[in-house]
Amino acid sequence: MIGGNPNGYLHGTLNPIDGSITGTNISYIYPDMETCLLGQFKDGRMQDAQQSSILDLGCDEHGLLFVKHYSPPDPKSPHLYYEAPSNISFGAGPPDTMDPYEKKWLELKPASTVEMGQGVFTRRDLEKGTLVSSYSGFVFSKRNGELGLYQKRCAMNSTKSDDERRKCKKYSLYIPARNSQINIPPEFDHPDNFISSLGPKVY
């Protein structure tokens, strides 16, 4: 799967009836080839999974790697799932849970000076090109008018101060292929209610 070098992977036995990536013992393996999300997938989309780790790899008769053993997920760990990103969804859930792979590499804490607020810091030394975070947020489609409505409500709202309106565009990132914009409304931009990804703050 796209993302990092090496890439991430979906791993499991294909459904024998239709060849789909569907089942209860399928994992998404992050680019570090160690951290993974293990659980139920349907047509390649995560329905209910928990954090796990790869303990042992094997190699089949065709020379293909496969996972021999996973660590048992902690019963108390969050149950994660995928949903399509939209103007009301970040694309994953639960929304108050930080991505376990990102949590392994990054942390959010006060910067060296009070005026700078909070910053993103690495937990360990990183090699150049290491994928540590993904850019996520609400997706506002220009085609169906969502982006225009958001701008009218926030960035172009004359009842807001200049500073408030600037914050409406703080995390804007346009996606030409989708004719959409990723953004984070100002009301979500504070430590107690921030999205599960630190990608926008890294950016």
Protein backbone atom coordinates (compact mmCIF):
# COMPACT_ATOMS: atom_id res chain seq x y z
CA MET A 1 0.00 0.00 0.00
CA ILE A 2 1.15 3.56 -0.69
CA GLY A 3 2.98 5.29 2.11
CA GLY A 4 6.63 5.41 3.09
CA ASN A 5 9.62 3.39 2.01
CA PRO A 6 9.05 0.55 2.45
CA ASN A 7 5.29 0.75 2.01
CA GLY A 8 2.64 -0.52 4.38
CA TYR A 9 0.90 -3.84 3.67
CA LEU A 10 -2.40 -5.62 4.07
CA HIS A 11 -1.76 -9.16 5.22
CA GLY A 12 -4.07 -12.16 5.51
CA THR A 13 -5.74 -15.02 3.66
CA LEU A 14 -7.95 -13.96 0.75
CA ASN A 15 -11.59 -14.93 0.83
CA PRO A 16 -11.74 -18.23 -1.15
CA ILE A 17 -15.11 -17.35 -2.69
CA ASP A 18 -14.52 -13.91 -4.20
CA GLY A 19 -10.82 -13.24 -3.59
CA SER A 20 -11.56 -10.18 -1.43
CA ILE A 21 -9.46 -9.13 1.54
CA THR A 22 -12.18 -10.06 3.99
CA GLY A 23 -11.88 -11.85 7.31
CA THR A 24 -11.27 -11.66 11.05
CA ASN A 25 -7.51 -12.23 11.17
CA ILE A 26 -6.25 -9.63 8.71
CA SER A 27 -3.73 -6.94 9.52
CA TYR A 28 -2.55 -3.63 8.22
CA ILE A 29 1.23 -3.60 8.68
CA TYR A 30 2.84 -0.18 9.00
CA PRO A 31 6.02 0.72 7.09
CA ASP A 32 8.25 -0.21 10.05
CA MET A 33 7.22 -3.85 9.43
CA GLU A 34 6.61 -4.24 13.15
CA THR A 35 3.58 -2.22 14.23
CA CYS A 36 0.24 -3.42 12.89
CA LEU A 37 -3.53 -3.25 13.32
CA LEU A 38 -5.04 -6.71 13.58
CA GLY A 39 -8.69 -7.60 13.29
CA GLN A 40 -11.69 -7.65 10.98
CA PHE A 41 -11.54 -6.26 7.44
CA LYS A 42 -14.11 -6.22 4.67
CA ASP A 43 -13.08 -5.70 1.04
CA GLY A 44 -9.77 -4.34 2.28
CA ARG A 45 -11.32 -1.81 4.65
CA MET A 46 -10.81 -1.99 8.38
CA GLN A 47 -13.99 -2.71 10.31
CA ASP A 48 -12.64 -3.43 13.81
CA ALA A 49 -8.96 -3.78 14.64
CA GLN A 50 -6.58 -3.31 17.55
CA GLN A 51 -2.90 -2.55 17.81
CA SER A 52 -0.57 -5.53 17.63
CA SER A 53 3.05 -6.28 16.73
CA ILE A 54 4.73 -8.77 14.43
CA LEU A 55 6.70 -11.28 16.48
CA ASP A 56 7.87 -13.70 13.82
CA LEU A 57 7.98 -13.91 10.01
CA GLY A 58 8.13 -16.97 7.77
CA CYS A 59 8.75 -17.63 4.08
CA ASP A 60 6.52 -19.91 1.99
CA GLU A 61 7.46 -22.21 -0.88
CA HIS A 62 7.09 -19.33 -3.34
CA GLY A 63 9.55 -17.11 -1.47
CA LEU A 64 6.83 -14.85 -0.09
CA LEU A 65 7.06 -13.49 3.45
CA PHE A 66 4.15 -14.09 5.81
CA VAL A 67 3.46 -13.39 9.46
CA LYS A 68 3.79 -16.48 11.62
CA HIS A 69 2.98 -14.86 14.95
CA TYR A 70 1.38 -11.63 16.16
CA SER A 71 1.42 -10.31 19.71
CA PRO A 72 -2.05 -10.61 21.28
CA PRO A 73 -3.79 -7.19 21.22
CA ASP A 74 -4.28 -5.62 24.62
CA PRO A 75 -8.01 -6.12 25.44
CA LYS A 76 -8.08 -2.54 26.77
CA SER A 77 -6.60 -1.00 23.62
CA PRO A 78 -8.87 1.10 21.37
CA HIS A 79 -10.91 -0.56 18.62
CA LEU A 80 -10.02 1.23 15.39
CA TYR A 81 -11.96 1.40 12.14
CA TYR A 82 -11.94 3.10 8.75
CA GLU A 83 -14.56 5.39 7.31
CA ALA A 84 -14.34 7.55 4.21
CA PRO A 85 -13.01 11.05 5.03
CA SER A 86 -15.61 13.77 4.54
CA ASN A 87 -16.64 17.19 5.80
CA ILE A 88 -17.72 15.57 9.09
CA SER A 89 -15.19 12.74 9.39
CA PHE A 90 -11.41 12.53 9.66
CA GLY A 91 -11.52 9.13 7.94
CA ALA A 92 -10.77 6.96 10.95
CA GLY A 93 -12.02 6.32 14.40
CA PRO A 94 -12.51 6.72 17.19
CA PRO A 95 -11.57 10.37 16.54
CA ASP A 96 -9.93 10.92 19.96
CA THR A 97 -7.44 8.07 19.49
CA MET A 98 -3.98 8.82 18.16
CA ASP A 99 -2.62 6.59 15.43
CA PRO A 100 -0.44 3.97 17.20
CA TYR A 101 2.32 4.14 14.60
CA GLU A 102 2.49 7.92 14.81
CA LYS A 103 2.47 7.73 18.59
CA LYS A 104 5.54 5.53 18.36
CA TRP A 105 7.51 8.28 16.59
CA LEU A 106 6.03 11.64 17.62
CA GLU A 107 4.73 13.55 20.61
CA LEU A 108 3.05 16.90 21.14
CA LYS A 109 4.48 19.04 23.94
CA PRO A 110 5.23 22.69 24.81
CA ALA A 111 7.87 24.35 22.66
CA SER A 112 11.03 25.89 24.09
CA THR A 113 9.37 29.30 24.44
CA VAL A 114 5.86 30.03 25.70
CA GLU A 115 5.08 32.26 22.71
CA MET A 116 5.47 29.30 20.33
CA GLY A 117 2.79 27.22 22.07
CA GLN A 118 2.98 23.50 21.38
CA GLY A 119 5.22 21.73 18.91
CA VAL A 120 5.72 18.27 17.44
CA PHE A 121 8.82 16.44 18.64
CA THR A 122 10.32 13.10 17.62
CA ARG A 123 10.70 10.42 20.26
CA ARG A 124 13.84 9.02 18.58
CA ASP A 125 16.36 9.78 15.87
CA LEU A 126 14.92 9.42 12.36
CA GLU A 127 16.50 8.45 9.09
CA LYS A 128 15.80 10.67 6.11
CA GLY A 129 12.63 9.61 4.29
CA THR A 130 11.05 7.82 7.27
CA LEU A 131 7.25 8.02 7.22
CA VAL A 132 6.14 9.08 10.69
CA SER A 133 2.78 10.77 10.10
CA SER A 134 -0.04 11.27 7.62
CA TYR A 135 -1.83 14.52 6.80
CA SER A 136 -5.47 14.17 7.78
CA GLY A 137 -8.44 16.40 8.48
CA PHE A 138 -11.93 17.10 7.22
CA VAL A 139 -12.28 16.91 3.43
CA PHE A 140 -14.40 19.67 1.88
CA SER A 141 -15.43 19.00 -1.70
CA LYS A 142 -15.46 21.96 -4.05
CA ARG A 143 -17.59 20.04 -6.56
CA ASN A 144 -20.62 19.62 -4.31
CA GLY A 145 -20.33 23.02 -2.62
CA GLU A 146 -18.97 21.89 0.77
CA LEU A 147 -15.84 24.02 0.46
CA GLY A 148 -17.83 27.12 -0.42
CA LEU A 149 -20.11 26.63 2.57
CA TYR A 150 -17.15 26.17 4.91
CA GLN A 151 -15.45 29.32 3.60
CA LYS A 152 -18.68 31.31 3.91
CA ARG A 153 -19.19 30.09 7.48
CA CYS A 154 -15.62 30.61 8.60
CA ALA A 155 -12.96 32.31 6.46
CA MET A 156 -15.39 34.75 4.80
CA ASN A 157 -17.56 35.32 7.85
CA SER A 158 -17.51 39.08 8.50
CA THR A 159 -18.74 38.58 12.06
CA LYS A 160 -15.38 36.98 12.93
CA SER A 161 -12.19 38.90 13.67
CA ASP A 162 -9.26 38.86 11.25
CA ASP A 163 -7.37 36.50 13.55
CA GLU A 164 -10.33 34.11 13.74
CA ARG A 165 -10.66 34.07 9.97
CA ARG A 166 -6.93 33.40 9.50
CA LYS A 167 -7.30 30.32 11.67
CA CYS A 168 -9.94 29.01 9.27
CA LYS A 169 -7.17 28.49 6.69
CA LYS A 170 -4.40 27.42 9.07
CA TYR A 171 -4.33 23.79 7.93
CA SER A 172 -5.67 24.15 4.38
CA LEU A 173 -4.23 21.76 1.81
CA TYR A 174 -5.80 21.51 -1.63
CA ILE A 175 -6.11 18.13 -3.41
CA PRO A 176 -6.43 18.75 -7.17
CA ALA A 177 -7.18 15.10 -7.99
CA ARG A 178 -10.28 15.21 -5.78
CA ASN A 179 -11.14 18.87 -6.35
CA SER A 180 -11.27 19.10 -2.57
CA GLN A 181 -9.51 20.71 0.34
CA ILE A 182 -8.30 19.13 3.58
CA ASN A 183 -8.81 21.49 6.48
CA ILE A 184 -9.31 21.54 10.23
CA PRO A 185 -11.97 23.89 11.60
CA PRO A 186 -10.58 26.17 14.35
CA GLU A 187 -12.79 24.59 17.00
CA PHE A 188 -10.79 21.37 16.66
CA ASP A 189 -7.40 23.05 16.89
CA HIS A 190 -6.66 22.75 20.59
CA PRO A 191 -4.95 19.99 22.63
CA ASP A 192 -8.11 18.58 24.18
CA ASN A 193 -9.97 18.19 20.90
CA PHE A 194 -7.31 17.76 18.21
CA ILE A 195 -7.48 15.12 15.51
CA SER A 196 -5.74 11.79 15.89
CA SER A 197 -2.95 12.73 13.46
CA LEU A 198 -0.15 15.23 14.07
CA GLY A 199 0.52 15.49 10.33
CA PRO A 200 -1.06 18.95 9.97
CA LYS A 201 1.07 20.29 12.83
CA VAL A 202 4.19 18.79 11.26
CA TYR A 203 3.27 20.50 8.00
